[in-house]
Protein backbone atom coordinates (compact mmCIF):
# COMPACT_ATOMS: atom_id res chain seq x y z
CA MET A 1 120.93 107.50 107.58
CA LEU A 2 117.23 106.63 107.63
CA GLU A 3 114.77 108.04 110.12
CA LEU A 4 112.13 105.36 110.66
CA LYS A 5 108.83 106.22 112.33
CA ASN A 6 106.95 102.93 111.94
CA PRO A 7 107.71 100.73 114.97
CA HIS A 8 107.19 97.58 112.89
CA SER A 9 109.93 98.72 110.49
CA VAL A 10 112.22 99.36 113.45
CA LEU A 11 111.42 95.99 115.02
CA ALA A 12 112.28 94.20 111.79
CA ALA A 13 115.59 96.04 111.56
CA LEU A 14 116.42 95.18 115.18
CA GLN A 15 115.57 91.53 114.59
CA THR A 16 117.59 91.15 111.37
CA ARG A 17 120.50 93.63 111.65
CA ALA A 18 120.59 95.25 115.05
CA GLY A 19 124.10 96.58 114.38
CA ASP A 20 122.66 99.00 111.84
CA VAL A 21 120.21 100.54 114.30
CA VAL A 22 122.08 103.55 115.68
CA GLU A 23 119.56 104.75 118.26
CA VAL A 24 115.91 104.91 119.22
CA ARG A 25 114.62 108.29 120.32
CA LEU A 26 111.32 108.68 122.12
CA GLY A 27 109.12 111.71 122.56
CA ASP A 28 108.00 112.95 125.94
CA GLN A 29 105.39 110.22 126.51
CA SER A 30 105.98 106.68 127.69
CA PRO A 31 106.13 104.18 124.81
CA SER A 32 103.29 101.72 124.37
CA GLY A 33 102.28 98.95 122.02
CA ALA A 34 104.81 98.20 119.30
CA TRP A 35 107.09 101.02 120.42
CA GLN A 36 107.35 99.39 123.83
CA GLN A 37 108.51 96.22 122.06
CA VAL A 38 111.05 98.30 120.16
CA VAL A 39 112.41 99.77 123.40
CA GLU A 40 112.69 96.38 125.09
CA LEU A 41 114.41 94.75 122.14
CA ALA A 42 116.72 97.72 121.55
CA ARG A 43 117.90 97.69 125.14
CA SER A 44 118.40 93.92 125.08
CA VAL A 45 120.78 94.20 122.10
CA GLY A 46 122.59 97.30 123.30
CA VAL A 47 121.02 99.95 121.06
CA PRO A 48 120.80 103.34 122.83
CA VAL A 49 117.29 104.49 123.75
CA ARG A 50 117.00 108.19 124.44
CA THR A 51 114.04 110.20 125.66
CA GLY A 52 113.00 113.82 125.40
CA ARG A 53 111.90 116.16 122.67
CA LEU A 54 112.83 115.02 119.19
CA PRO A 55 115.40 117.13 117.34
CA GLY A 56 114.54 119.44 114.48
CA GLY A 57 111.15 120.85 115.28
CA GLN A 58 108.68 122.61 117.52
CA PRO A 59 106.49 120.76 119.99
CA LYS A 60 103.63 119.09 118.17
CA ARG A 61 100.08 118.12 118.89
CA ARG A 62 97.65 115.81 117.19
CA ASP A 63 95.23 117.31 114.68
CA LYS A 64 91.90 115.92 113.52
CA SER A 65 93.58 113.51 111.10
CA GLY A 66 95.58 111.89 113.89
CA GLU A 67 98.85 113.44 112.69
CA LYS A 68 101.00 115.85 114.68
CA SER A 69 101.07 119.55 113.95
CA ALA A 70 103.67 122.13 114.96
CA ARG A 71 101.30 124.44 116.86
CA GLY A 72 102.29 123.41 120.37
CA GLY A 73 101.37 120.67 122.82
CA ARG A 74 103.07 117.41 123.75
CA THR A 75 105.26 115.35 121.47
CA SER A 76 104.61 111.61 121.47
CA LEU A 77 106.36 110.68 118.24
CA ALA A 78 109.27 108.24 118.31
CA VAL A 79 111.89 107.63 115.65
CA ALA A 80 114.86 105.37 115.09
CA ALA A 81 118.05 106.18 113.23
CA VAL A 82 118.86 103.19 111.02
CA ARG A 83 121.48 102.68 108.34
CA PRO A 84 120.08 101.62 104.93
CA ARG A 85 120.16 97.93 104.18
CA SER A 86 122.82 96.88 101.68
CA ASP A 87 121.77 95.49 98.34
CA VAL A 88 123.20 92.34 96.77
CA GLY A 89 124.59 91.59 93.34
CA LEU A 90 122.37 90.30 90.56
CA ASP A 91 124.00 86.86 90.60
CA GLU A 92 123.33 86.50 94.31
CA LEU A 93 119.75 87.69 93.86
CA LEU A 94 119.12 85.00 91.26
CA GLN A 95 121.10 82.20 92.89
CA SER A 96 118.01 80.17 93.82
CA ALA A 97 116.69 80.14 90.24
CA GLY A 98 116.24 76.63 88.93
CA ALA A 99 115.61 75.14 92.36
CA GLU A 100 113.17 72.28 92.69
CA GLU A 101 110.51 74.67 94.01
CA HIS A 102 109.76 77.49 91.58
CA GLY A 103 109.87 81.10 92.75
CA ILE A 104 108.91 84.65 91.84
CA TRP A 105 111.10 87.74 91.52
CA LEU A 106 110.04 91.33 90.84
CA ALA A 107 111.59 94.13 88.81
CA LEU A 108 110.47 97.75 89.27
CA ASP A 109 111.00 99.84 86.15
CA ARG A 110 111.39 103.51 87.21
CA LEU A 111 108.82 103.62 90.01
CA GLN A 112 108.84 107.14 91.41
CA ASP A 113 106.52 106.94 94.42
CA PRO A 114 108.24 105.66 97.58
CA HIS A 115 104.82 104.66 98.96
CA ASN A 116 104.35 102.30 96.00
CA ILE A 117 107.84 100.87 96.46
CA GLY A 118 107.27 100.30 100.16
CA ALA A 119 103.87 98.71 99.60
CA ILE A 120 105.34 96.39 96.95
CA PHE A 121 108.09 95.25 99.33
CA ARG A 122 105.51 94.53 102.01
CA THR A 123 103.47 92.43 99.58
CA ALA A 124 106.64 90.75 98.31
CA ALA A 125 107.59 89.72 101.85
CA PHE A 126 104.05 88.42 102.44
CA TYR A 127 104.19 86.19 99.35
CA GLY A 128 107.80 85.06 99.74
CA VAL A 129 109.15 86.82 96.66
CA ARG A 130 112.80 85.83 96.30
CA GLY A 131 114.19 89.16 95.23
CA VAL A 132 113.48 92.60 93.79
CA LEU A 133 115.36 94.44 91.04
CA LEU A 134 115.23 98.22 91.28
CA THR A 135 116.30 100.71 88.63
CA THR A 136 118.54 103.56 89.75
CA ASN A 137 117.63 106.03 86.99
CA GLN A 138 114.41 108.07 87.23
CA SER A 139 113.37 106.06 90.29
CA ALA A 140 112.54 106.98 93.86
CA PRO A 141 115.32 106.11 96.32
CA LEU A 142 114.80 103.60 99.10
CA SER A 143 113.96 106.31 101.61
CA GLY A 144 112.66 106.15 105.16
CA THR A 145 109.16 106.50 103.72
CA ALA A 146 109.61 103.33 101.65
CA TYR A 147 110.95 101.44 104.68
CA ASP A 148 108.08 102.61 106.87
CA VAL A 149 105.38 101.75 104.32
CA ALA A 150 107.01 98.33 103.83
CA SER A 151 106.47 97.74 107.58
CA GLY A 152 109.47 95.40 107.76
CA GLY A 153 109.21 94.03 104.23
CA LEU A 154 112.46 95.68 103.16
CA GLU A 155 114.32 93.68 105.79
CA HIS A 156 113.10 90.33 104.50
CA VAL A 157 113.35 90.55 100.70
CA PRO A 158 116.81 90.85 99.08
CA PHE A 159 117.16 93.47 96.38
CA THR A 160 119.62 94.74 93.82
CA GLN A 161 119.81 98.15 92.16
CA VAL A 162 120.75 98.24 88.49
CA GLY A 163 121.43 101.04 86.06
CA ASN A 164 120.61 98.97 82.98
CA LEU A 165 117.40 97.01 83.41
CA ALA A 166 117.51 95.49 79.93
CA ARG A 167 120.89 93.92 80.68
CA ALA A 168 119.59 92.65 84.02
CA LEU A 169 116.57 91.08 82.29
CA ARG A 170 118.91 89.30 79.89
CA GLY A 171 120.84 88.00 82.89
CA ALA A 172 117.63 86.80 84.50
CA ARG A 173 116.62 84.93 81.36
CA ASP A 174 120.08 83.37 81.13
CA ALA A 175 119.58 82.18 84.73
CA GLY A 176 116.39 80.40 83.69
CA LEU A 177 113.72 82.94 84.68
CA TRP A 178 110.76 83.74 82.45
CA VAL A 179 110.16 87.47 82.21
CA MET A 180 106.58 88.68 82.52
CA GLY A 181 105.84 92.28 81.63
CA THR A 182 102.72 93.93 83.03
CA SER A 183 100.56 96.38 81.12
CA GLU A 184 96.92 97.38 80.97
CA ARG A 185 97.25 96.59 77.25
CA GLY A 186 98.84 93.17 77.86
CA GLU A 187 97.32 90.47 75.68
CA ASP A 188 98.76 87.33 77.29
CA GLU A 189 96.76 85.46 79.90
CA LEU A 190 97.98 85.73 83.46
CA PRO A 191 98.90 82.20 84.57
CA GLU A 192 97.55 80.81 87.81
CA GLY A 193 100.12 79.14 90.00
CA THR A 194 103.89 79.14 89.74
CA ASP A 195 104.77 76.50 87.16
CA ARG A 196 108.18 78.06 86.47
CA ASP A 197 110.50 80.75 87.80
CA TRP A 198 108.95 84.13 86.98
CA LEU A 199 110.40 87.63 87.00
CA VAL A 200 107.45 90.04 86.99
CA VAL A 201 108.25 93.55 85.74
CA ILE A 202 106.19 96.46 87.08
CA GLY A 203 106.25 99.71 85.09
CA SER A 204 106.33 103.30 86.28
CA GLU A 205 103.20 104.97 87.57
CA GLU A 206 102.85 107.36 84.62
CA ARG A 207 104.38 105.66 81.60
CA GLY A 208 104.43 101.96 82.34
CA LEU A 209 107.14 99.76 80.86
CA ARG A 210 109.71 101.15 78.47
CA ARG A 211 109.88 99.85 74.91
CA LEU A 212 113.28 98.24 75.50
CA THR A 213 111.96 96.57 78.65
CA LEU A 214 109.01 95.14 76.73
CA GLU A 215 111.39 93.70 74.12
CA HIS A 216 112.98 91.53 76.82
CA CYS A 217 109.68 90.11 78.11
CA ASP A 218 108.55 86.57 77.24
CA VAL A 219 104.91 87.50 77.88
CA VAL A 220 103.05 90.72 78.65
CA CYS A 221 100.04 90.26 80.90
CA GLY A 222 97.33 92.58 82.10
CA ILE A 223 94.50 92.47 84.61
CA PRO A 224 91.20 92.81 82.74
CA PRO A 225 88.88 95.29 84.48
CA ARG A 226 85.32 94.35 85.35
CA GLY A 227 84.17 97.85 86.25
CA GLU A 228 84.49 101.40 85.05
CA ILE A 229 88.10 102.01 86.17
CA ALA A 230 90.56 100.70 83.58
CA SER A 231 93.80 100.60 85.57
CA LEU A 232 95.22 99.98 89.04
CA ASN A 233 97.84 101.64 91.20
CA ALA A 234 101.25 99.98 90.68
CA SER A 235 101.39 98.44 94.16
CA VAL A 236 97.80 97.20 93.99
CA ALA A 237 98.41 95.67 90.55
CA THR A 238 101.49 93.92 91.95
CA ALA A 239 99.44 92.46 94.80
CA VAL A 240 96.84 91.15 92.35
CA MET A 241 99.50 89.61 90.12
CA LEU A 242 101.19 87.87 93.03
CA THR A 243 97.89 86.62 94.41
CA VAL A 244 97.11 84.91 91.10
CA LEU A 245 100.64 83.59 90.56
CA CYS A 246 100.84 82.16 94.08
CA ARG A 247 97.63 80.17 93.89
CA PRO A 248 98.34 76.51 94.68
C-alpha cells in the first residue's frame, strides 16, 4: 500500500482508478486548495475521508523549511492510502509501435533514486511518452515518493518492469523501435524531432548504462556541455532529451 502526500498524485489516482484509493485521511485542519479538491472528488466516488490526527507519529509543527517536525503543535498533513498501479506486459507496452504517428518510449537502467524516477514519469506524461521500461534489479521500487514526485505522471504513462533489460531491448527492436542510449561520452548526434519510433535508455545515476545495454543500442547520444559542469542529473538529462526529440 502506498501512502501518498501530494494532493495532485491523489487526484490523478482518483480520476483514473478510484477503486484503488482506499481512504483519504486529513489532519486536524480543514483542507484547502488541491486537498479540498481531493476531498470533494473522493466523497463523490465513495472513497472514505477520515479526519483527526494521522497514525504513526507525534503531533507536528512546521519548521523554518516549511516541513513538519515532531516537537508538538498542530498537524495539518493529509495522506491517502492507494494501491500501487499495475504494470503491463512488454507486448502491450509496445503495441502502438509502427503507428502512423511516431512515438517515444523510455527505459530506465537501474535508477536508484525514487526522486529521479518520479521526475522522469512527470516529464514523460508531459511529453506524451508512450511507455516506460523499468529494471527490477538494483533499482529503486515505485514507492510513494516516486508517485508523489511524479505528481500524477505515474497514473498516465504505462510501464513494465523487466528483469532482463537486454532481452527487452531486443524485443523493442523487433517491434520496430530504434534504441538510443544516453551517455556523457555519447558520440552520435541527438536528432531533433521524432522521425521514427525511439526507445531512449537512461542509465543509473552513478554508473550510467551497462556494457550489455550499450551493445543493444542503435545510437548513443550525449548532451554536449557549454559550461563548466560536464554532466546532468538523470531526470534533467531525460527532460532535455525529450525536449529535443519532441521538437516539431
